[in-house]
């Protein structure tokens, strides 16, 4: 099973399905996309640069981030 490091070219990860929020704006390309990796990690990329670098996070890192989002801990970033 392949393992990927932060900064890997997003388009070099084979066989993954990139998913973005339904709230993303198609005309502005303001989208962050996520892909589940075979080893259980999650890759994140900027949809404006689909062949650019991807950040890779462990399951526990993604879980901590999602819990923080649900608890409004990052709302100050868009206020």
C-alpha atoms as a PDB file:
ATOM      1  CA  UNK A   1       0.000   0.000   0.000  1.00  0.00           C
ATOM      2  CA  UNK A   2       1.424   3.379  -1.033  1.00  0.00           C
ATOM      3  CA  UNK A   3       2.031   6.128   1.474  1.00  0.00           C
ATOM      4  CA  UNK A   4       2.124   9.795   0.462  1.00  0.00           C
ATOM      5  CA  UNK A   5       3.977  12.716   2.029  1.00  0.00           C
ATOM      6  CA  UNK A   6       2.957  16.347   2.327  1.00  0.00           C
ATOM      7  CA  UNK A   7       3.662  18.261  -0.843  1.00  0.00           C
ATOM      8  CA  UNK A   8       3.060  15.339  -3.185  1.00  0.00           C
ATOM      9  CA  UNK A   9       1.748  16.427  -6.582  1.00  0.00           C
ATOM     10  CA  UNK A  10      -2.011  15.966  -6.234  1.00  0.00           C
ATOM     11  CA  UNK A  11      -2.361  14.627  -9.762  1.00  0.00           C
ATOM     12  CA  UNK A  12       0.225  11.938  -9.061  1.00  0.00           C
ATOM     13  CA  UNK A  13      -2.024  10.137  -6.560  1.00  0.00           C
ATOM     14  CA  UNK A  14      -3.700   7.421  -8.639  1.00  0.00           C
ATOM     15  CA  UNK A  15      -7.220   6.130  -8.225  1.00  0.00           C
ATOM     16  CA  UNK A  16      -8.581   8.650  -5.718  1.00  0.00           C
ATOM     17  CA  UNK A  17     -11.822  10.593  -5.982  1.00  0.00           C
ATOM     18  CA  UNK A  18     -11.482  14.267  -5.092  1.00  0.00           C
ATOM     19  CA  UNK A  19     -14.551  15.706  -3.349  1.00  0.00           C
ATOM     20  CA  UNK A  20     -15.434  19.332  -2.657  1.00  0.00           C
ATOM     21  CA  UNK A  21     -18.167  21.015  -0.671  1.00  0.00           C
ATOM     22  CA  UNK A  22     -21.494  21.709  -2.317  1.00  0.00           C
ATOM     23  CA  UNK A  23     -21.051  25.263  -0.984  1.00  0.00           C
ATOM     24  CA  UNK A  24     -18.025  25.795  -3.233  1.00  0.00           C
ATOM     25  CA  UNK A  25     -18.328  28.428  -5.923  1.00  0.00           C
ATOM     26  CA  UNK A  26     -17.701  26.990  -9.385  1.00  0.00           C
ATOM     27  CA  UNK A  27     -17.233  30.378 -11.057  1.00  0.00           C
ATOM     28  CA  UNK A  28     -14.561  31.538  -8.605  1.00  0.00           C
ATOM     29  CA  UNK A  29     -12.885  28.192  -8.176  1.00  0.00           C
ATOM     30  CA  UNK A  30     -12.787  28.730  -4.417  1.00  0.00           C
ATOM     31  CA  UNK A  31     -12.725  25.088  -3.478  1.00  0.00           C
ATOM     32  CA  UNK A  32     -10.769  22.866  -1.188  1.00  0.00           C
ATOM     33  CA  UNK A  33     -10.961  19.236  -2.242  1.00  0.00           C
ATOM     34  CA  UNK A  34     -10.452  16.120  -0.128  1.00  0.00           C
ATOM     35  CA  UNK A  35      -9.536  12.580  -1.170  1.00  0.00           C
ATOM     36  CA  UNK A  36      -9.449   9.434   0.938  1.00  0.00           C
ATOM     37  CA  UNK A  37      -6.145   7.612   0.460  1.00  0.00           C
ATOM     38  CA  UNK A  38      -5.844   3.812   0.500  1.00  0.00           C
ATOM     39  CA  UNK A  39      -3.811   3.846   3.735  1.00  0.00           C
ATOM     40  CA  UNK A  40      -6.544   5.745   5.644  1.00  0.00           C
ATOM     41  CA  UNK A  41      -4.943   9.186   5.353  1.00  0.00           C
ATOM     42  CA  UNK A  42      -6.665  12.125   3.653  1.00  0.00           C
ATOM     43  CA  UNK A  43      -5.190  14.351   0.953  1.00  0.00           C
ATOM     44  CA  UNK A  44      -6.283  17.989   0.617  1.00  0.00           C
ATOM     45  CA  UNK A  45      -5.715  20.199  -2.425  1.00  0.00           C
ATOM     46  CA  UNK A  46      -6.718  23.589  -3.795  1.00  0.00           C
ATOM     47  CA  UNK A  47      -9.042  23.051  -6.757  1.00  0.00           C
ATOM     48  CA  UNK A  48      -7.603  26.102  -8.535  1.00  0.00           C
ATOM     49  CA  UNK A  49      -4.325  24.150  -8.746  1.00  0.00           C
ATOM     50  CA  UNK A  50      -5.381  20.500  -9.200  1.00  0.00           C
ATOM     51  CA  UNK A  51      -1.873  19.424 -10.212  1.00  0.00           C
ATOM     52  CA  UNK A  52      -0.292  21.378  -7.359  1.00  0.00           C
ATOM     53  CA  UNK A  53       0.808  20.046  -4.004  1.00  0.00           C
ATOM     54  CA  UNK A  54      -1.497  18.130  -1.702  1.00  0.00           C
ATOM     55  CA  UNK A  55      -1.318  18.172   2.061  1.00  0.00           C
ATOM     56  CA  UNK A  56      -1.675  14.745   3.640  1.00  0.00           C
ATOM     57  CA  UNK A  57      -3.300  14.286   7.044  1.00  0.00           C
ATOM     58  CA  UNK A  58      -3.890  11.269   9.251  1.00  0.00           C
ATOM     59  CA  UNK A  59      -7.394  10.186  10.155  1.00  0.00           C
ATOM     60  CA  UNK A  60      -7.005  11.612  13.672  1.00  0.00           C
ATOM     61  CA  UNK A  61      -5.809  14.962  12.308  1.00  0.00           C
ATOM     62  CA  UNK A  62      -8.844  15.230  10.000  1.00  0.00           C
ATOM     63  CA  UNK A  63     -11.120  14.192  12.859  1.00  0.00           C
ATOM     64  CA  UNK A  64      -9.696  16.922  15.127  1.00  0.00           C
ATOM     65  CA  UNK A  65     -10.159  19.517  12.386  1.00  0.00           C
ATOM     66  CA  UNK A  66     -13.758  18.470  11.678  1.00  0.00           C
ATOM     67  CA  UNK A  67     -14.645  18.555  15.369  1.00  0.00           C
ATOM     68  CA  UNK A  68     -13.186  22.069  15.577  1.00  0.00           C
ATOM     69  CA  UNK A  69     -15.191  23.165  12.529  1.00  0.00           C
ATOM     70  CA  UNK A  70     -18.397  21.747  13.994  1.00  0.00           C
ATOM     71  CA  UNK A  71     -17.709  23.599  17.248  1.00  0.00           C
ATOM     72  CA  UNK A  72     -17.208  26.902  15.355  1.00  0.00           C
ATOM     73  CA  UNK A  73     -13.566  27.184  16.457  1.00  0.00           C
ATOM     74  CA  UNK A  74     -12.525  28.569  13.079  1.00  0.00           C
ATOM     75  CA  UNK A  75     -15.421  30.929  12.384  1.00  0.00           C
ATOM     76  CA  UNK A  76     -13.148  33.910  13.023  1.00  0.00           C
ATOM     77  CA  UNK A  77     -11.379  33.092   9.756  1.00  0.00           C
ATOM     78  CA  UNK A  78     -14.441  34.097   7.730  1.00  0.00           C
ATOM     79  CA  UNK A  79     -15.875  36.882   9.904  1.00  0.00           C
END
